[in-house]
Amino acid sequence: MGSFSIGKEIFPSPQILSFFLHELVAHYLSLEFPKRYKVGELKNEKDIHDMKDLSMGIEIKASSNATQIFANRSYAQPSSDSETKDKNGYYITINFEKISKFNPRPKITIIRFGYLEHKDWIAQKAATGQQARLKPEAYKNKLIEIYRAIK
């Protein structure tokens, strides 16, 4: 039986890489500060759940787009009840390169942090559209760039 390597024979899709980044950031923060944070598990918990102050929980969004971040269309609407997590709050956003045979070791290109509200998102117009994107003003005024890869 042969061996396989990511970036050599296996090239995870951007959705898979986004999932791993999402999980790793939350898990590492919960390991670093176990009395404060845990990985969100319930529908009403943020991705990084703050056990001392619910308003300080953090959502994580990752994208292989060079500069933009996307979310589910519902992020552009006010939260409807206490059973779902509040879409207003703190966010860590991560942009990363796609993995391919031409780029077997992709980099994280941008990390941002900030406070976003549902009105910072623009929902797709089509009734079947499932995506929301951030308004340009959100990048400019609400998200602080804390890391950018050197080209």
N, C-alpha and C. Protein backbone atom coordinates (compact mmCIF):
# COMPACT_ATOMS: atom_id res chain seq x y z
N MET A 1 0.85 -1.18 0.00
CA MET A 1 0.00 0.00 0.00
C MET A 1 0.90 1.24 0.00
N GLY A 2 0.60 2.18 -0.89
CA GLY A 2 1.40 3.39 -1.02
C GLY A 2 1.03 4.45 0.00
N SER A 3 1.83 5.49 0.05
CA SER A 3 1.52 6.62 0.92
C SER A 3 1.14 7.82 0.05
N PHE A 4 0.36 8.69 0.61
CA PHE A 4 -0.11 9.86 -0.09
C PHE A 4 0.18 11.09 0.74
N SER A 5 0.40 12.21 0.08
CA SER A 5 0.69 13.46 0.78
C SER A 5 -0.23 14.56 0.28
N ILE A 6 -0.66 15.39 1.21
CA ILE A 6 -1.41 16.59 0.83
C ILE A 6 -0.45 17.51 0.09
N GLY A 7 -0.87 18.01 -1.04
CA GLY A 7 -0.05 18.88 -1.85
C GLY A 7 0.80 18.14 -2.87
N LYS A 8 0.75 16.82 -2.80
CA LYS A 8 1.48 16.02 -3.78
C LYS A 8 0.51 15.17 -4.61
N GLU A 9 -0.27 14.33 -3.93
CA GLU A 9 -1.29 13.53 -4.62
C GLU A 9 -2.70 13.96 -4.23
N ILE A 10 -2.83 14.61 -3.09
CA ILE A 10 -4.15 15.01 -2.57
C ILE A 10 -4.20 16.54 -2.49
N PHE A 11 -5.25 17.12 -3.07
CA PHE A 11 -5.40 18.57 -3.11
C PHE A 11 -6.76 18.95 -2.56
N PRO A 12 -6.87 19.19 -1.24
CA PRO A 12 -8.16 19.52 -0.66
C PRO A 12 -8.76 20.79 -1.27
N SER A 13 -10.07 20.80 -1.41
CA SER A 13 -10.76 21.97 -1.94
C SER A 13 -10.65 23.13 -0.95
N PRO A 14 -10.89 24.36 -1.43
CA PRO A 14 -10.88 25.51 -0.52
C PRO A 14 -11.86 25.33 0.65
N GLN A 15 -12.99 24.66 0.42
CA GLN A 15 -13.95 24.44 1.50
C GLN A 15 -13.35 23.56 2.60
N ILE A 16 -12.59 22.56 2.20
CA ILE A 16 -11.94 21.68 3.18
C ILE A 16 -10.86 22.44 3.94
N LEU A 17 -10.03 23.20 3.24
CA LEU A 17 -8.99 23.98 3.92
C LEU A 17 -9.62 25.01 4.86
N SER A 18 -10.71 25.62 4.43
CA SER A 18 -11.42 26.58 5.28
C SER A 18 -11.92 25.91 6.55
N PHE A 19 -12.48 24.71 6.40
CA PHE A 19 -12.95 23.95 7.55
C PHE A 19 -11.80 23.70 8.54
N PHE A 20 -10.65 23.26 8.04
CA PHE A 20 -9.51 22.98 8.92
C PHE A 20 -9.02 24.24 9.63
N LEU A 21 -8.91 25.35 8.91
CA LEU A 21 -8.49 26.60 9.55
C LEU A 21 -9.48 27.01 10.63
N HIS A 22 -10.75 26.92 10.31
CA HIS A 22 -11.83 27.25 11.23
C HIS A 22 -11.68 26.44 12.52
N GLU A 23 -11.52 25.14 12.38
CA GLU A 23 -11.41 24.24 13.54
C GLU A 23 -10.10 24.45 14.30
N LEU A 24 -8.99 24.58 13.59
CA LEU A 24 -7.70 24.71 14.26
C LEU A 24 -7.61 25.99 15.08
N VAL A 25 -8.07 27.11 14.54
CA VAL A 25 -8.02 28.37 15.28
C VAL A 25 -8.83 28.25 16.57
N ALA A 26 -10.04 27.73 16.46
CA ALA A 26 -10.89 27.59 17.65
C ALA A 26 -10.28 26.63 18.68
N HIS A 27 -9.77 25.51 18.21
CA HIS A 27 -9.18 24.54 19.14
C HIS A 27 -7.92 25.07 19.81
N TYR A 28 -7.04 25.74 19.05
CA TYR A 28 -5.83 26.27 19.66
C TYR A 28 -6.13 27.35 20.69
N LEU A 29 -7.10 28.21 20.42
CA LEU A 29 -7.45 29.24 21.39
C LEU A 29 -8.04 28.61 22.65
N SER A 30 -8.83 27.56 22.49
CA SER A 30 -9.40 26.89 23.67
C SER A 30 -8.31 26.17 24.47
N LEU A 31 -7.27 25.70 23.81
CA LEU A 31 -6.14 25.08 24.53
C LEU A 31 -5.31 26.13 25.27
N GLU A 32 -5.12 27.27 24.63
CA GLU A 32 -4.30 28.34 25.22
C GLU A 32 -5.00 28.99 26.42
N PHE A 33 -6.32 29.12 26.36
CA PHE A 33 -7.10 29.78 27.41
C PHE A 33 -8.29 28.89 27.81
N PRO A 34 -8.04 27.73 28.42
CA PRO A 34 -9.11 26.75 28.67
C PRO A 34 -10.17 27.21 29.67
N LYS A 35 -9.86 28.17 30.52
CA LYS A 35 -10.85 28.64 31.49
C LYS A 35 -11.72 29.74 30.90
N ARG A 36 -11.33 30.24 29.72
CA ARG A 36 -12.06 31.33 29.10
C ARG A 36 -12.83 30.90 27.85
N TYR A 37 -12.15 30.15 26.98
CA TYR A 37 -12.75 29.81 25.68
C TYR A 37 -12.90 28.31 25.49
N LYS A 38 -13.92 27.97 24.72
CA LYS A 38 -14.08 26.58 24.27
C LYS A 38 -14.59 26.64 22.83
N VAL A 39 -14.43 25.54 22.13
CA VAL A 39 -14.95 25.46 20.77
C VAL A 39 -16.47 25.45 20.85
N GLY A 40 -17.12 26.33 20.11
CA GLY A 40 -18.58 26.39 20.11
C GLY A 40 -19.18 25.09 19.59
N GLU A 41 -20.18 24.59 20.31
CA GLU A 41 -20.80 23.32 19.94
C GLU A 41 -22.30 23.46 19.71
N LEU A 42 -22.93 24.34 20.46
CA LEU A 42 -24.38 24.51 20.36
C LEU A 42 -24.73 25.54 19.29
N LYS A 43 -25.97 25.49 18.81
CA LYS A 43 -26.42 26.41 17.76
C LYS A 43 -26.27 27.88 18.15
N ASN A 44 -26.44 28.18 19.43
CA ASN A 44 -26.39 29.58 19.86
C ASN A 44 -25.00 30.02 20.32
N GLU A 45 -23.98 29.16 20.17
CA GLU A 45 -22.62 29.50 20.56
C GLU A 45 -21.82 29.94 19.34
N LYS A 46 -20.98 30.96 19.55
CA LYS A 46 -20.07 31.38 18.49
C LYS A 46 -19.03 30.28 18.27
N ASP A 47 -18.28 30.38 17.18
CA ASP A 47 -17.26 29.38 16.87
C ASP A 47 -16.26 29.25 18.01
N ILE A 48 -15.87 30.39 18.57
CA ILE A 48 -15.05 30.41 19.77
C ILE A 48 -15.95 30.96 20.87
N HIS A 49 -16.40 30.08 21.73
CA HIS A 49 -17.37 30.44 22.77
C HIS A 49 -16.64 30.97 24.00
N ASP A 50 -16.99 32.18 24.41
CA ASP A 50 -16.43 32.78 25.62
C ASP A 50 -17.31 32.37 26.79
N MET A 51 -16.76 31.57 27.70
CA MET A 51 -17.53 31.03 28.82
C MET A 51 -17.81 32.05 29.91
N LYS A 52 -17.10 33.18 29.91
CA LYS A 52 -17.30 34.19 30.94
C LYS A 52 -18.20 35.33 30.48
N ASP A 53 -18.20 35.59 29.17
CA ASP A 53 -18.97 36.71 28.65
C ASP A 53 -19.43 36.36 27.23
N LEU A 54 -20.69 35.99 27.08
CA LEU A 54 -21.21 35.57 25.77
C LEU A 54 -20.99 36.60 24.68
N SER A 55 -20.99 37.87 25.03
CA SER A 55 -20.83 38.92 24.02
C SER A 55 -19.41 38.97 23.46
N MET A 56 -18.49 38.27 24.09
CA MET A 56 -17.10 38.28 23.64
C MET A 56 -16.73 37.05 22.79
N GLY A 57 -17.71 36.23 22.45
CA GLY A 57 -17.46 35.09 21.58
C GLY A 57 -17.01 35.57 20.20
N ILE A 58 -16.38 34.69 19.44
CA ILE A 58 -15.80 35.07 18.16
C ILE A 58 -16.25 34.10 17.07
N GLU A 59 -16.66 34.66 15.94
CA GLU A 59 -16.94 33.88 14.75
C GLU A 59 -15.67 33.83 13.90
N ILE A 60 -15.48 32.75 13.18
CA ILE A 60 -14.34 32.59 12.29
C ILE A 60 -14.86 32.42 10.87
N LYS A 61 -14.31 33.19 9.94
CA LYS A 61 -14.64 33.06 8.52
C LYS A 61 -13.34 32.96 7.74
N ALA A 62 -13.27 32.01 6.83
CA ALA A 62 -12.06 31.82 6.02
C ALA A 62 -12.46 31.71 4.55
N SER A 63 -11.55 32.17 3.68
CA SER A 63 -11.84 32.17 2.25
C SER A 63 -10.56 32.06 1.44
N SER A 64 -10.65 31.38 0.30
CA SER A 64 -9.52 31.32 -0.62
C SER A 64 -9.50 32.51 -1.57
N ASN A 65 -10.47 33.40 -1.45
CA ASN A 65 -10.45 34.63 -2.23
C ASN A 65 -9.26 35.46 -1.76
N ALA A 66 -8.63 36.17 -2.66
CA ALA A 66 -7.43 36.94 -2.31
C ALA A 66 -7.68 37.99 -1.23
N THR A 67 -8.87 38.60 -1.22
CA THR A 67 -9.10 39.69 -0.27
C THR A 67 -10.45 39.64 0.44
N GLN A 68 -11.44 38.96 -0.13
CA GLN A 68 -12.79 39.02 0.42
C GLN A 68 -13.12 37.82 1.31
N ILE A 69 -14.13 38.04 2.16
CA ILE A 69 -14.66 37.02 3.05
C ILE A 69 -16.16 36.88 2.75
N PHE A 70 -16.66 35.67 2.86
CA PHE A 70 -18.06 35.39 2.56
C PHE A 70 -18.70 34.64 3.73
N ALA A 71 -20.02 34.70 3.76
CA ALA A 71 -20.77 33.99 4.80
C ALA A 71 -22.08 33.51 4.19
N ASN A 72 -22.83 32.79 4.97
CA ASN A 72 -24.16 32.37 4.57
C ASN A 72 -25.05 33.62 4.45
N ARG A 73 -25.98 33.58 3.55
CA ARG A 73 -26.89 34.70 3.31
C ARG A 73 -27.56 35.20 4.60
N SER A 74 -27.80 34.31 5.54
CA SER A 74 -28.48 34.68 6.79
C SER A 74 -27.70 35.71 7.61
N TYR A 75 -26.38 35.83 7.36
CA TYR A 75 -25.58 36.80 8.12
C TYR A 75 -25.99 38.23 7.80
N ALA A 76 -26.63 38.45 6.67
CA ALA A 76 -27.08 39.79 6.28
C ALA A 76 -28.44 40.14 6.89
N GLN A 77 -28.98 39.25 7.73
CA GLN A 77 -30.28 39.48 8.36
C GLN A 77 -30.10 39.52 9.88
N PRO A 78 -30.95 40.27 10.57
CA PRO A 78 -30.85 40.29 12.03
C PRO A 78 -31.09 38.89 12.60
N SER A 79 -30.47 38.62 13.74
CA SER A 79 -30.71 37.34 14.41
C SER A 79 -32.16 37.26 14.80
N SER A 80 -32.74 36.07 14.64
CA SER A 80 -34.18 35.95 14.84
C SER A 80 -34.58 35.52 16.24
N ASP A 81 -33.76 34.71 16.91
CA ASP A 81 -34.14 34.27 18.26
C ASP A 81 -32.90 33.89 19.06
N SER A 82 -33.10 33.59 20.33
CA SER A 82 -31.99 33.27 21.22
C SER A 82 -31.47 31.85 21.00
N GLU A 83 -32.16 31.08 20.15
CA GLU A 83 -31.72 29.70 19.88
C GLU A 83 -30.61 29.67 18.84
N THR A 84 -30.45 30.75 18.06
CA THR A 84 -29.37 30.81 17.08
C THR A 84 -28.35 31.84 17.54
N LYS A 85 -27.12 31.70 17.06
CA LYS A 85 -26.09 32.63 17.51
C LYS A 85 -26.31 34.01 16.89
N ASP A 86 -25.95 35.02 17.64
CA ASP A 86 -26.06 36.40 17.19
C ASP A 86 -25.01 36.64 16.11
N LYS A 87 -25.42 37.18 14.98
CA LYS A 87 -24.49 37.44 13.88
C LYS A 87 -23.67 38.71 14.12
N ASN A 88 -24.12 39.55 15.03
CA ASN A 88 -23.33 40.71 15.41
C ASN A 88 -22.28 40.24 16.40
N GLY A 89 -21.07 40.73 16.24
CA GLY A 89 -20.04 40.35 17.19
C GLY A 89 -18.65 40.37 16.58
N TYR A 90 -17.73 39.77 17.32
CA TYR A 90 -16.33 39.75 16.91
C TYR A 90 -16.08 38.65 15.89
N TYR A 91 -15.19 38.95 14.94
CA TYR A 91 -14.84 38.03 13.87
C TYR A 91 -13.34 37.97 13.69
N ILE A 92 -12.86 36.77 13.42
CA ILE A 92 -11.52 36.56 12.88
C ILE A 92 -11.74 36.12 11.44
N THR A 93 -11.12 36.82 10.50
CA THR A 93 -11.24 36.43 9.10
C THR A 93 -9.86 36.01 8.59
N ILE A 94 -9.86 34.95 7.79
CA ILE A 94 -8.61 34.39 7.29
C ILE A 94 -8.72 34.19 5.78
N ASN A 95 -7.82 34.79 5.03
CA ASN A 95 -7.72 34.55 3.59
C ASN A 95 -6.51 33.66 3.36
N PHE A 96 -6.65 32.72 2.44
CA PHE A 96 -5.57 31.77 2.19
C PHE A 96 -5.50 31.41 0.72
N GLU A 97 -4.35 30.89 0.31
CA GLU A 97 -4.16 30.45 -1.06
C GLU A 97 -4.76 29.06 -1.27
N LYS A 98 -5.18 28.79 -2.49
CA LYS A 98 -5.65 27.45 -2.84
C LYS A 98 -4.46 26.52 -2.98
N ILE A 99 -4.67 25.26 -2.65
CA ILE A 99 -3.63 24.25 -2.81
C ILE A 99 -3.76 23.63 -4.20
N SER A 100 -2.63 23.42 -4.86
CA SER A 100 -2.63 22.79 -6.18
C SER A 100 -1.25 22.18 -6.41
N LYS A 101 -1.10 21.47 -7.51
CA LYS A 101 0.22 20.90 -7.81
C LYS A 101 1.22 22.01 -8.09
N PHE A 102 0.74 23.21 -8.47
CA PHE A 102 1.61 24.35 -8.70
C PHE A 102 1.84 25.16 -7.42
N ASN A 103 1.02 24.91 -6.41
CA ASN A 103 1.15 25.59 -5.12
C ASN A 103 0.89 24.56 -4.02
N PRO A 104 1.83 23.62 -3.81
CA PRO A 104 1.59 22.54 -2.85
C PRO A 104 1.67 22.97 -1.39
N ARG A 105 2.21 24.15 -1.13
CA ARG A 105 2.31 24.65 0.25
C ARG A 105 1.68 26.05 0.33
N PRO A 106 0.36 26.10 0.26
CA PRO A 106 -0.32 27.41 0.25
C PRO A 106 -0.11 28.15 1.57
N LYS A 107 -0.22 29.45 1.47
CA LYS A 107 0.00 30.31 2.64
C LYS A 107 -1.29 30.96 3.10
N ILE A 108 -1.34 31.28 4.36
CA ILE A 108 -2.34 32.20 4.87
C ILE A 108 -1.88 33.57 4.42
N THR A 109 -2.74 34.32 3.77
CA THR A 109 -2.33 35.60 3.19
C THR A 109 -2.75 36.82 4.01
N ILE A 110 -3.92 36.75 4.63
CA ILE A 110 -4.41 37.89 5.44
C ILE A 110 -5.19 37.34 6.63
N ILE A 111 -4.95 37.94 7.79
CA ILE A 111 -5.78 37.68 8.97
C ILE A 111 -6.27 39.04 9.47
N ARG A 112 -7.58 39.11 9.71
CA ARG A 112 -8.18 40.35 10.22
C ARG A 112 -9.00 40.03 11.46
N PHE A 113 -9.24 41.07 12.26
CA PHE A 113 -10.07 40.94 13.45
C PHE A 113 -10.92 42.20 13.57
N GLY A 114 -12.18 42.02 13.97
CA GLY A 114 -13.02 43.19 14.16
C GLY A 114 -14.42 42.83 14.60
N TYR A 115 -15.21 43.85 14.79
CA TYR A 115 -16.61 43.70 15.21
C TYR A 115 -17.50 44.00 14.02
N LEU A 116 -18.31 43.02 13.64
CA LEU A 116 -19.21 43.17 12.49
C LEU A 116 -20.65 43.01 12.94
N GLU A 117 -21.54 43.69 12.21
CA GLU A 117 -22.98 43.58 12.46
C GLU A 117 -23.64 43.02 11.20
N HIS A 118 -24.87 42.56 11.35
CA HIS A 118 -25.56 41.99 10.18
C HIS A 118 -25.65 42.99 9.03
N LYS A 119 -25.72 44.27 9.33
CA LYS A 119 -25.84 45.27 8.27
C LYS A 119 -24.53 45.48 7.50
N ASP A 120 -23.43 44.86 7.95
CA ASP A 120 -22.16 44.93 7.23
C ASP A 120 -22.08 43.92 6.09
N TRP A 121 -23.04 43.01 6.04
CA TRP A 121 -23.07 41.96 5.02
C TRP A 121 -24.08 42.32 3.93
N ILE A 122 -23.78 41.94 2.69
CA ILE A 122 -24.68 42.13 1.55
C ILE A 122 -25.11 40.74 1.09
N ALA A 123 -26.41 40.46 1.17
CA ALA A 123 -26.92 39.16 0.74
C ALA A 123 -27.02 39.12 -0.78
N GLN A 124 -26.84 37.93 -1.36
CA GLN A 124 -27.05 37.76 -2.79
C GLN A 124 -28.50 38.13 -3.11
N LYS A 125 -28.71 38.75 -4.24
CA LYS A 125 -30.05 39.20 -4.62
C LYS A 125 -30.95 38.04 -5.06
N ALA A 126 -30.38 37.07 -5.76
CA ALA A 126 -31.19 35.96 -6.27
C ALA A 126 -31.81 35.18 -5.12
N ALA A 127 -33.06 34.82 -5.28
CA ALA A 127 -33.78 34.08 -4.24
C ALA A 127 -33.08 32.76 -3.91
N THR A 128 -32.39 32.20 -4.88
CA THR A 128 -31.69 30.93 -4.64
C THR A 128 -30.27 31.15 -4.13
N GLY A 129 -29.82 32.41 -4.12
CA GLY A 129 -28.46 32.71 -3.65
C GLY A 129 -28.30 32.41 -2.17
N GLN A 130 -27.20 31.81 -1.82
CA GLN A 130 -26.97 31.42 -0.44
C GLN A 130 -25.81 32.18 0.21
N GLN A 131 -25.26 33.17 -0.47
CA GLN A 131 -24.05 33.79 -0.02
C GLN A 131 -24.26 35.24 0.40
N ALA A 132 -23.42 35.69 1.33
CA ALA A 132 -23.34 37.10 1.69
C ALA A 132 -21.88 37.51 1.61
N ARG A 133 -21.65 38.74 1.23
CA ARG A 133 -20.29 39.27 1.20
C ARG A 133 -20.26 40.54 2.03
N LEU A 134 -19.07 40.92 2.45
CA LEU A 134 -18.94 42.12 3.27
C LEU A 134 -18.94 43.38 2.41
N LYS A 135 -19.52 44.43 2.94
CA LYS A 135 -19.47 45.74 2.27
C LYS A 135 -18.02 46.25 2.31
N PRO A 136 -17.61 47.00 1.30
CA PRO A 136 -16.24 47.54 1.29
C PRO A 136 -15.90 48.35 2.55
N GLU A 137 -16.90 49.06 3.08
CA GLU A 137 -16.66 49.87 4.29
C GLU A 137 -16.28 49.01 5.50
N ALA A 138 -16.77 47.78 5.53
CA ALA A 138 -16.46 46.89 6.65
C ALA A 138 -14.96 46.55 6.66
N TYR A 139 -14.40 46.30 5.48
CA TYR A 139 -12.97 46.02 5.40
C TYR A 139 -12.16 47.26 5.81
N LYS A 140 -12.64 48.41 5.38
CA LYS A 140 -11.91 49.66 5.61
C LYS A 140 -12.03 50.15 7.06
N ASN A 141 -13.23 50.04 7.64
CA ASN A 141 -13.48 50.68 8.93
C ASN A 141 -13.71 49.75 10.12
N LYS A 142 -13.94 48.46 9.88
CA LYS A 142 -14.35 47.59 10.98
C LYS A 142 -13.42 46.41 11.23
N LEU A 143 -12.66 46.03 10.22
CA LEU A 143 -11.73 44.91 10.39
C LEU A 143 -10.30 45.43 10.40
N ILE A 144 -9.56 45.05 11.42
CA ILE A 144 -8.17 45.45 11.54
C ILE A 144 -7.31 44.32 10.99
N GLU A 145 -6.44 44.65 10.08
CA GLU A 145 -5.53 43.65 9.53
C GLU A 145 -4.43 43.39 10.55
N ILE A 146 -4.34 42.15 11.00
CA ILE A 146 -3.32 41.81 12.00
C ILE A 146 -2.19 40.98 11.40
N TYR A 147 -2.35 40.52 10.16
CA TYR A 147 -1.29 39.78 9.49
C TYR A 147 -1.50 39.89 7.99
N ARG A 148 -0.41 40.06 7.26
CA ARG A 148 -0.42 40.00 5.79
C ARG A 148 0.87 39.33 5.37
N ALA A 149 0.76 38.31 4.54
CA ALA A 149 1.93 37.59 4.06
C ALA A 149 2.78 38.50 3.18
N ILE A 150 4.05 38.36 3.30
CA ILE A 150 4.98 39.11 2.44
C ILE A 150 5.05 38.36 1.12
N LYS A 151 4.92 39.10 0.04
CA LYS A 151 4.93 38.46 -1.29
C LYS A 151 6.33 38.20 -1.77
